[in-house]
Amino acid sequence: MADKKKLSRRSMITGLAAGAGVMAINSSSDAHCGVCGAVGKKAVKAVKKAAKGLHFHNKDFYTDGKFNEDKAKDACITLMKYHGYPVFPDMKKNLWVSDYEIGQFMKLGLAARMWKNHEEDRYMQMDLFLMPGQMLPEHWHLATDKNPPKREGWLVRHGLSHIVGIGEPNLSKECVVPKCHMGGKTETKHEVIATPGVFVPLAKVLTKHWQLAGPEGAIITESANVHDDKGVRHSDPVANKYFMKLAGL
């Protein structure tokens, strides 16, 4: 009975959040306008009440000062189970996790599962997993010797994500850049508060963008053209140095 009540409450909150996101955005798939009214704020407050099952501490992801990928992956699996996302075979093994060598995984980091990056047919699909309150650092995508600039969009499956890019600054009070990201700064400040069922396209190719998860974290499907790590650049110099090294540049 307790499990049914918990599921019912979560379903109700998810439905409220999804409805809020869809109502606040135009009915078309172009979600550049952002969510900033009372409806969006109500959605953010509602999900806070359901996030008690997700408690992590940054110190738990470090062993002798080094980022522990195994523990980060375990936390990601916990996030999946919390939201009812299917934990597919070899899911943990195939997760990519990173704190961008900044040492604040709970504030700045990412877990991702690449499903396909098809060089021949030129498409890509992956799922992103953000911990509660975690920021995916501001970045952008250049053309490389193999691929064009990345064109992408994001469909929120579970939780809530502040998806931020170019446009009129409208960051809500809940969307706070952590100090570990360039002293709490970003260049882009136009957000869409995206809830389950809301698709947000990149506003313009080659432009900077970032995300910040809500109190229940976020599980997001990204669709894009084929791309490679050599084209990724980050605004934060520490994150950028890490990723350039990762890409062999």
C-alpha atoms as a PDB file:
ATOM      1  CA  MET A   1       0.000   0.000   0.000  1.00  0.00           C
ATOM      2  CA  ALA A   2       2.827   2.416   0.878  1.00  0.00           C
ATOM      3  CA  ASP A   3       4.495   1.792  -2.473  1.00  0.00           C
ATOM      4  CA  LYS A   4       1.237   2.496  -4.295  1.00  0.00           C
ATOM      5  CA  LYS A   5       0.790   5.779  -2.443  1.00  0.00           C
ATOM      6  CA  LYS A   6       4.360   6.791  -3.238  1.00  0.00           C
ATOM      7  CA  LEU A   7       3.891   5.928  -6.908  1.00  0.00           C
ATOM      8  CA  SER A   8       0.592   7.780  -7.037  1.00  0.00           C
ATOM      9  CA  ARG A   9       2.119  10.911  -5.515  1.00  0.00           C
ATOM     10  CA  ARG A  10       5.076  10.825  -7.875  1.00  0.00           C
ATOM     11  CA  SER A  11       2.796  10.303 -10.873  1.00  0.00           C
ATOM     12  CA  MET A  12       0.659  13.246  -9.789  1.00  0.00           C
ATOM     13  CA  ILE A  13       3.716  15.506  -9.408  1.00  0.00           C
ATOM     14  CA  THR A  14       5.201  14.380 -12.704  1.00  0.00           C
ATOM     15  CA  GLY A  15       1.904  15.094 -14.399  1.00  0.00           C
ATOM     16  CA  LEU A  16       1.732  18.542 -12.823  1.00  0.00           C
ATOM     17  CA  ALA A  17       5.279  19.332 -13.887  1.00  0.00           C
ATOM     18  CA  ALA A  18       4.726  18.086 -17.426  1.00  0.00           C
ATOM     19  CA  GLY A  19       1.547  20.088 -17.726  1.00  0.00           C
ATOM     20  CA  ALA A  20       3.273  23.182 -16.423  1.00  0.00           C
ATOM     21  CA  GLY A  21       6.054  22.879 -18.951  1.00  0.00           C
ATOM     22  CA  VAL A  22       3.742  22.305 -21.892  1.00  0.00           C
ATOM     23  CA  MET A  23       1.360  25.107 -20.901  1.00  0.00           C
ATOM     24  CA  ALA A  24       4.189  27.587 -20.482  1.00  0.00           C
ATOM     25  CA  ILE A  25       5.717  26.782 -23.855  1.00  0.00           C
ATOM     26  CA  ASN A  26       3.983  27.270 -27.193  1.00  0.00           C
ATOM     27  CA  SER A  27       2.269  24.194 -28.605  1.00  0.00           C
ATOM     28  CA  SER A  28       4.896  23.957 -31.340  1.00  0.00           C
ATOM     29  CA  SER A  29       8.231  22.186 -30.797  1.00  0.00           C
ATOM     30  CA  ASP A  30      10.078  25.521 -30.812  1.00  0.00           C
ATOM     31  CA  ALA A  31      10.712  26.108 -27.103  1.00  0.00           C
ATOM     32  CA  HIS A  32      12.967  29.149 -27.227  1.00  0.00           C
ATOM     33  CA  CYS A  33      10.490  31.377 -25.372  1.00  0.00           C
ATOM     34  CA  GLY A  34      11.286  30.042 -21.887  1.00  0.00           C
ATOM     35  CA  VAL A  35       9.158  29.387 -18.822  1.00  0.00           C
ATOM     36  CA  CYS A  36       9.054  32.127 -16.265  1.00  0.00           C
ATOM     37  CA  GLY A  37       5.474  32.557 -14.979  1.00  0.00           C
ATOM     38  CA  ALA A  38       3.642  31.273 -11.925  1.00  0.00           C
ATOM     39  CA  VAL A  39       2.959  27.937 -13.593  1.00  0.00           C
ATOM     40  CA  GLY A  40       6.691  27.217 -14.007  1.00  0.00           C
ATOM     41  CA  LYS A  41       7.404  28.171 -10.394  1.00  0.00           C
ATOM     42  CA  LYS A  42       4.612  25.894  -9.174  1.00  0.00           C
ATOM     43  CA  ALA A  43       6.168  22.970 -11.061  1.00  0.00           C
ATOM     44  CA  VAL A  44       9.563  23.584  -9.466  1.00  0.00           C
ATOM     45  CA  LYS A  45       8.064  23.736  -5.962  1.00  0.00           C
ATOM     46  CA  ALA A  46       6.034  20.577  -6.525  1.00  0.00           C
ATOM     47  CA  VAL A  47       8.976  18.387  -7.466  1.00  0.00           C
ATOM     48  CA  LYS A  48      10.964  19.510  -4.407  1.00  0.00           C
ATOM     49  CA  LYS A  49       8.462  17.673  -2.204  1.00  0.00           C
ATOM     50  CA  ALA A  50       9.068  14.391  -4.020  1.00  0.00           C
ATOM     51  CA  ALA A  51      12.879  14.441  -3.990  1.00  0.00           C
ATOM     52  CA  LYS A  52      13.444  13.022  -0.504  1.00  0.00           C
ATOM     53  CA  GLY A  53      14.524   9.682  -1.959  1.00  0.00           C
ATOM     54  CA  LEU A  54      17.579  11.193  -3.641  1.00  0.00           C
ATOM     55  CA  HIS A  55      20.233  12.165  -1.114  1.00  0.00           C
ATOM     56  CA  PHE A  56      23.864  12.292  -2.197  1.00  0.00           C
ATOM     57  CA  HIS A  57      26.947  13.975  -0.744  1.00  0.00           C
ATOM     58  CA  ASN A  58      29.844  15.171  -2.857  1.00  0.00           C
ATOM     59  CA  LYS A  59      32.434  13.485  -0.626  1.00  0.00           C
ATOM     60  CA  ASP A  60      30.866  10.114  -1.428  1.00  0.00           C
ATOM     61  CA  PHE A  61      32.157  10.358  -5.001  1.00  0.00           C
ATOM     62  CA  TYR A  62      35.833  10.783  -4.132  1.00  0.00           C
ATOM     63  CA  THR A  63      38.395   8.272  -2.890  1.00  0.00           C
ATOM     64  CA  ASP A  64      41.724   9.685  -1.706  1.00  0.00           C
ATOM     65  CA  GLY A  65      40.879  12.894  -3.528  1.00  0.00           C
ATOM     66  CA  LYS A  66      40.207  11.186  -6.854  1.00  0.00           C
ATOM     67  CA  PHE A  67      36.867  11.004  -8.644  1.00  0.00           C
ATOM     68  CA  ASN A  68      35.346   7.544  -8.137  1.00  0.00           C
ATOM     69  CA  GLU A  69      33.546   6.692 -11.375  1.00  0.00           C
ATOM     70  CA  ASP A  70      32.099   3.481  -9.968  1.00  0.00           C
ATOM     71  CA  LYS A  71      30.300   5.332  -7.162  1.00  0.00           C
ATOM     72  CA  ALA A  72      29.072   7.978  -9.589  1.00  0.00           C
ATOM     73  CA  LYS A  73      27.627   5.256 -11.801  1.00  0.00           C
ATOM     74  CA  ASP A  74      25.916   3.663  -8.792  1.00  0.00           C
ATOM     75  CA  ALA A  75      24.283   7.011  -8.000  1.00  0.00           C
ATOM     76  CA  CYS A  76      23.129   7.252 -11.590  1.00  0.00           C
ATOM     77  CA  ILE A  77      21.525   3.803 -11.362  1.00  0.00           C
ATOM     78  CA  THR A  78      19.783   4.964  -8.162  1.00  0.00           C
ATOM     79  CA  LEU A  79      18.433   7.955 -10.098  1.00  0.00           C
ATOM     80  CA  MET A  80      17.132   5.642 -12.836  1.00  0.00           C
ATOM     81  CA  LYS A  81      15.358   3.375 -10.370  1.00  0.00           C
ATOM     82  CA  TYR A  82      13.839   6.344  -8.528  1.00  0.00           C
ATOM     83  CA  HIS A  83      12.219   7.554 -11.730  1.00  0.00           C
ATOM     84  CA  GLY A  84      11.285   4.119 -13.081  1.00  0.00           C
ATOM     85  CA  TYR A  85      13.723   4.421 -15.975  1.00  0.00           C
ATOM     86  CA  PRO A  86      14.632   0.909 -17.223  1.00  0.00           C
ATOM     87  CA  VAL A  87      18.073  -0.267 -16.152  1.00  0.00           C
ATOM     88  CA  PHE A  88      19.095  -2.094 -19.306  1.00  0.00           C
ATOM     89  CA  PRO A  89      21.703  -4.897 -19.367  1.00  0.00           C
ATOM     90  CA  ASP A  90      25.256  -3.514 -19.115  1.00  0.00           C
ATOM     91  CA  MET A  91      23.821  -0.071 -18.356  1.00  0.00           C
ATOM     92  CA  LYS A  92      26.355   0.687 -15.640  1.00  0.00           C
ATOM     93  CA  LYS A  93      29.233  -0.642 -17.734  1.00  0.00           C
ATOM     94  CA  ASN A  94      28.343   1.615 -20.662  1.00  0.00           C
ATOM     95  CA  LEU A  95      27.759   4.815 -18.708  1.00  0.00           C
ATOM     96  CA  TRP A  96      30.178   7.711 -19.170  1.00  0.00           C
ATOM     97  CA  VAL A  97      30.552   9.808 -16.024  1.00  0.00           C
ATOM     98  CA  SER A  98      32.673  12.876 -15.345  1.00  0.00           C
ATOM     99  CA  ASP A  99      33.274  15.685 -12.875  1.00  0.00           C
ATOM    100  CA  TYR A 100      35.375  17.523 -15.497  1.00  0.00           C
ATOM    101  CA  GLU A 101      38.289  17.385 -13.007  1.00  0.00           C
ATOM    102  CA  ILE A 102      36.695  20.169 -10.981  1.00  0.00           C
ATOM    103  CA  GLY A 103      36.061  17.980  -7.938  1.00  0.00           C
ATOM    104  CA  GLN A 104      32.432  18.961  -7.341  1.00  0.00           C
ATOM    105  CA  PHE A 105      30.458  16.179  -9.015  1.00  0.00           C
ATOM    106  CA  MET A 106      27.206  16.966  -7.193  1.00  0.00           C
ATOM    107  CA  LYS A 107      27.372  20.553  -8.446  1.00  0.00           C
ATOM    108  CA  LEU A 108      29.053  20.152 -11.837  1.00  0.00           C
ATOM    109  CA  GLY A 109      29.177  16.937 -13.836  1.00  0.00           C
ATOM    110  CA  LEU A 110      27.404  14.510 -16.116  1.00  0.00           C
ATOM    111  CA  ALA A 111      26.491  10.895 -16.690  1.00  0.00           C
ATOM    112  CA  ALA A 112      25.607   9.842 -20.227  1.00  0.00           C
ATOM    113  CA  ARG A 113      24.761   6.687 -22.163  1.00  0.00           C
ATOM    114  CA  MET A 114      25.554   6.868 -25.860  1.00  0.00           C
ATOM    115  CA  TRP A 115      23.130   4.649 -27.748  1.00  0.00           C
ATOM    116  CA  LYS A 116      24.393   5.349 -31.250  1.00  0.00           C
ATOM    117  CA  ASN A 117      26.757   7.782 -32.937  1.00  0.00           C
ATOM    118  CA  HIS A 118      26.381   6.616 -36.530  1.00  0.00           C
ATOM    119  CA  GLU A 119      29.220   7.912 -38.692  1.00  0.00           C
ATOM    120  CA  GLU A 120      27.832   6.519 -41.952  1.00  0.00           C
ATOM    121  CA  ASP A 121      24.194   7.597 -41.623  1.00  0.00           C
ATOM    122  CA  ARG A 122      25.071  10.801 -39.722  1.00  0.00           C
ATOM    123  CA  TYR A 123      22.839  10.575 -36.651  1.00  0.00           C
ATOM    124  CA  MET A 124      23.312  10.322 -32.896  1.00  0.00           C
ATOM    125  CA  GLN A 125      21.166   9.402 -29.894  1.00  0.00           C
ATOM    126  CA  MET A 126      22.089   9.396 -26.218  1.00  0.00           C
ATOM    127  CA  ASP A 127      20.538   9.796 -22.780  1.00  0.00           C
ATOM    128  CA  LEU A 128      21.836  12.282 -20.220  1.00  0.00           C
ATOM    129  CA  PHE A 129      21.523  11.790 -16.463  1.00  0.00           C
ATOM    130  CA  LEU A 130      21.864  14.763 -14.121  1.00  0.00           C
ATOM    131  CA  MET A 131      21.928  14.437 -10.346  1.00  0.00           C
ATOM    132  CA  PRO A 132      19.687  16.748  -8.251  1.00  0.00           C
ATOM    133  CA  GLY A 133      20.898  20.331  -8.637  1.00  0.00           C
ATOM    134  CA  GLN A 134      23.785  19.280 -10.888  1.00  0.00           C
ATOM    135  CA  MET A 135      24.977  21.521 -13.715  1.00  0.00           C
ATOM    136  CA  LEU A 136      26.094  20.330 -17.127  1.00  0.00           C
ATOM    137  CA  PRO A 137      28.740  23.000 -17.850  1.00  0.00           C
ATOM    138  CA  GLU A 138      28.313  25.653 -20.518  1.00  0.00           C
ATOM    139  CA  HIS A 139      29.725  24.466 -23.828  1.00  0.00           C
ATOM    140  CA  TRP A 140      29.330  24.602 -27.602  1.00  0.00           C
ATOM    141  CA  HIS A 141      30.155  22.456 -30.637  1.00  0.00           C
ATOM    142  CA  LEU A 142      32.440  23.256 -33.554  1.00  0.00           C
ATOM    143  CA  ALA A 143      32.894  21.505 -36.880  1.00  0.00           C
ATOM    144  CA  THR A 144      35.735  18.973 -37.006  1.00  0.00           C
ATOM    145  CA  ASP A 145      37.713  17.382 -39.802  1.00  0.00           C
ATOM    146  CA  LYS A 146      35.125  14.569 -39.817  1.00  0.00           C
ATOM    147  CA  ASN A 147      31.804  16.155 -38.886  1.00  0.00           C
ATOM    148  CA  PRO A 148      29.776  19.386 -39.137  1.00  0.00           C
ATOM    149  CA  PRO A 149      28.799  21.470 -36.078  1.00  0.00           C
ATOM    150  CA  LYS A 150      26.427  19.647 -33.778  1.00  0.00           C
ATOM    151  CA  ARG A 151      22.706  20.303 -34.214  1.00  0.00           C
ATOM    152  CA  GLU A 152      20.800  18.946 -31.254  1.00  0.00           C
ATOM    153  CA  GLY A 153      17.695  18.989 -29.111  1.00  0.00           C
ATOM    154  CA  TRP A 154      16.655  17.587 -25.746  1.00  0.00           C
ATOM    155  CA  LEU A 155      13.542  15.744 -24.626  1.00  0.00           C
ATOM    156  CA  VAL A 156      13.113  15.573 -20.846  1.00  0.00           C
ATOM    157  CA  ARG A 157      11.899  12.108 -19.849  1.00  0.00           C
ATOM    158  CA  HIS A 158      11.971  12.388 -16.047  1.00  0.00           C
ATOM    159  CA  GLY A 159      12.549  15.146 -13.518  1.00  0.00           C
ATOM    160  CA  LEU A 160      13.154  18.752 -14.494  1.00  0.00           C
ATOM    161  CA  SER A 161      15.953  20.575 -16.270  1.00  0.00           C
ATOM    162  CA  HIS A 162      16.665  24.262 -16.713  1.00  0.00           C
ATOM    163  CA  ILE A 163      17.894  24.234 -20.317  1.00  0.00           C
ATOM    164  CA  VAL A 164      19.817  27.427 -21.003  1.00  0.00           C
ATOM    165  CA  GLY A 165      21.088  29.019 -24.207  1.00  0.00           C
ATOM    166  CA  ILE A 166      21.175  32.276 -26.149  1.00  0.00           C
ATOM    167  CA  GLY A 167      18.366  34.804 -25.813  1.00  0.00           C
ATOM    168  CA  GLU A 168      16.989  37.395 -23.433  1.00  0.00           C
ATOM    169  CA  PRO A 169      18.244  36.734 -19.871  1.00  0.00           C
ATOM    170  CA  ASN A 170      15.436  35.262 -17.771  1.00  0.00           C
ATOM    171  CA  LEU A 171      17.066  32.904 -15.259  1.00  0.00           C
ATOM    172  CA  SER A 172      14.708  31.966 -12.440  1.00  0.00           C
ATOM    173  CA  LYS A 173      15.850  32.115  -8.820  1.00  0.00           C
ATOM    174  CA  GLU A 174      16.038  28.310  -8.792  1.00  0.00           C
ATOM    175  CA  CYS A 175      18.575  28.316 -11.632  1.00  0.00           C
ATOM    176  CA  VAL A 176      21.789  29.252  -9.828  1.00  0.00           C
ATOM    177  CA  VAL A 177      25.176  28.636 -11.444  1.00  0.00           C
ATOM    178  CA  PRO A 178      27.502  26.954  -8.911  1.00  0.00           C
ATOM    179  CA  LYS A 179      30.605  28.870  -7.868  1.00  0.00           C
ATOM    180  CA  CYS A 180      32.813  26.067  -9.144  1.00  0.00           C
ATOM    181  CA  HIS A 181      31.799  27.056 -12.696  1.00  0.00           C
ATOM    182  CA  MET A 182      33.819  30.212 -13.412  1.00  0.00           C
ATOM    183  CA  GLY A 183      32.895  31.759 -10.076  1.00  0.00           C
ATOM    184  CA  GLY A 184      29.176  31.267 -10.699  1.00  0.00           C
ATOM    185  CA  LYS A 185      29.112  32.811 -14.180  1.00  0.00           C
ATOM    186  CA  THR A 186      27.952  31.831 -17.664  1.00  0.00           C
ATOM    187  CA  GLU A 187      27.669  33.715 -20.933  1.00  0.00           C
ATOM    188  CA  THR A 188      24.191  32.455 -21.854  1.00  0.00           C
ATOM    189  CA  LYS A 189      21.259  33.185 -19.528  1.00  0.00           C
ATOM    190  CA  HIS A 190      18.007  32.363 -21.338  1.00  0.00           C
ATOM    191  CA  GLU A 191      16.284  29.352 -19.802  1.00  0.00           C
ATOM    192  CA  VAL A 192      13.467  26.985 -20.566  1.00  0.00           C
ATOM    193  CA  ILE A 193      12.188  25.086 -17.536  1.00  0.00           C
ATOM    194  CA  ALA A 194      11.721  21.724 -19.227  1.00  0.00           C
ATOM    195  CA  THR A 195       9.600  19.003 -17.645  1.00  0.00           C
ATOM    196  CA  PRO A 196       8.670  15.490 -18.877  1.00  0.00           C
ATOM    197  CA  GLY A 197       7.442  15.578 -22.469  1.00  0.00           C
ATOM    198  CA  VAL A 198       8.978  18.967 -23.296  1.00  0.00           C
ATOM    199  CA  PHE A 199      11.421  19.084 -26.228  1.00  0.00           C
ATOM    200  CA  VAL A 200      13.875  21.987 -26.406  1.00  0.00           C
ATOM    201  CA  PRO A 201      15.949  22.503 -29.570  1.00  0.00           C
ATOM    202  CA  LEU A 202      19.302  24.260 -29.637  1.00  0.00           C
ATOM    203  CA  ALA A 203      18.436  27.866 -30.504  1.00  0.00           C
ATOM    204  CA  LYS A 204      21.201  28.239 -33.095  1.00  0.00           C
ATOM    205  CA  VAL A 205      24.069  26.103 -34.286  1.00  0.00           C
ATOM    206  CA  LEU A 206      27.513  26.948 -32.789  1.00  0.00           C
ATOM    207  CA  THR A 207      25.966  28.711 -29.774  1.00  0.00           C
ATOM    208  CA  LYS A 208      26.725  28.060 -26.111  1.00  0.00           C
ATOM    209  CA  HIS A 209      24.307  26.150 -23.890  1.00  0.00           C
ATOM    210  CA  TRP A 210      24.106  24.371 -20.522  1.00  0.00           C
ATOM    211  CA  GLN A 211      21.657  22.652 -18.187  1.00  0.00           C
ATOM    212  CA  LEU A 212      20.861  22.560 -14.485  1.00  0.00           C
ATOM    213  CA  ALA A 213      18.779  19.750 -12.992  1.00  0.00           C
ATOM    214  CA  GLY A 214      15.893  20.254 -10.607  1.00  0.00           C
ATOM    215  CA  PRO A 215      15.609  18.684  -7.131  1.00  0.00           C
ATOM    216  CA  GLU A 216      14.719  15.253  -8.545  1.00  0.00           C
ATOM    217  CA  GLY A 217      17.543  15.345 -11.060  1.00  0.00           C
ATOM    218  CA  ALA A 218      16.798  14.897 -14.754  1.00  0.00           C
ATOM    219  CA  ILE A 219      16.857  12.147 -17.352  1.00  0.00           C
ATOM    220  CA  ILE A 220      17.029  13.578 -20.862  1.00  0.00           C
ATOM    221  CA  THR A 221      17.127  12.101 -24.355  1.00  0.00           C
ATOM    222  CA  GLU A 222      19.374  13.994 -26.753  1.00  0.00           C
ATOM    223  CA  SER A 223      18.912  13.720 -30.523  1.00  0.00           C
ATOM    224  CA  ALA A 224      21.524  15.143 -32.870  1.00  0.00           C
ATOM    225  CA  ASN A 225      23.586  14.730 -36.008  1.00  0.00           C
ATOM    226  CA  VAL A 226      26.772  12.699 -35.722  1.00  0.00           C
ATOM    227  CA  HIS A 227      29.511  14.478 -33.782  1.00  0.00           C
ATOM    228  CA  ASP A 228      32.852  13.843 -32.105  1.00  0.00           C
ATOM    229  CA  ASP A 229      34.623  15.072 -28.985  1.00  0.00           C
ATOM    230  CA  LYS A 230      37.170  17.122 -30.947  1.00  0.00           C
ATOM    231  CA  GLY A 231      34.445  19.675 -31.654  1.00  0.00           C
ATOM    232  CA  VAL A 232      33.437  20.256 -28.013  1.00  0.00           C
ATOM    233  CA  ARG A 233      34.526  23.444 -26.240  1.00  0.00           C
ATOM    234  CA  HIS A 234      33.710  24.588 -22.684  1.00  0.00           C
ATOM    235  CA  SER A 235      33.502  28.116 -21.281  1.00  0.00           C
ATOM    236  CA  ASP A 236      35.051  27.036 -17.980  1.00  0.00           C
ATOM    237  CA  PRO A 237      38.843  26.799 -18.576  1.00  0.00           C
ATOM    238  CA  VAL A 238      39.282  23.832 -16.203  1.00  0.00           C
ATOM    239  CA  ALA A 239      36.500  21.843 -17.850  1.00  0.00           C
ATOM    240  CA  ASN A 240      37.777  22.820 -21.292  1.00  0.00           C
ATOM    241  CA  LYS A 241      41.339  21.702 -20.540  1.00  0.00           C
ATOM    242  CA  TYR A 242      40.017  18.372 -19.275  1.00  0.00           C
ATOM    243  CA  PHE A 243      37.845  17.761 -22.339  1.00  0.00           C
ATOM    244  CA  MET A 244      40.524  18.842 -24.814  1.00  0.00           C
ATOM    245  CA  LYS A 245      42.847  16.292 -23.235  1.00  0.00           C
ATOM    246  CA  LEU A 246      40.090  13.683 -23.427  1.00  0.00           C
ATOM    247  CA  ALA A 247      39.668  14.412 -27.134  1.00  0.00           C
ATOM    248  CA  GLY A 248      43.408  14.127 -27.744  1.00  0.00           C
ATOM    249  CA  LEU A 249      43.878  17.799 -28.611  1.00  0.00           C
END
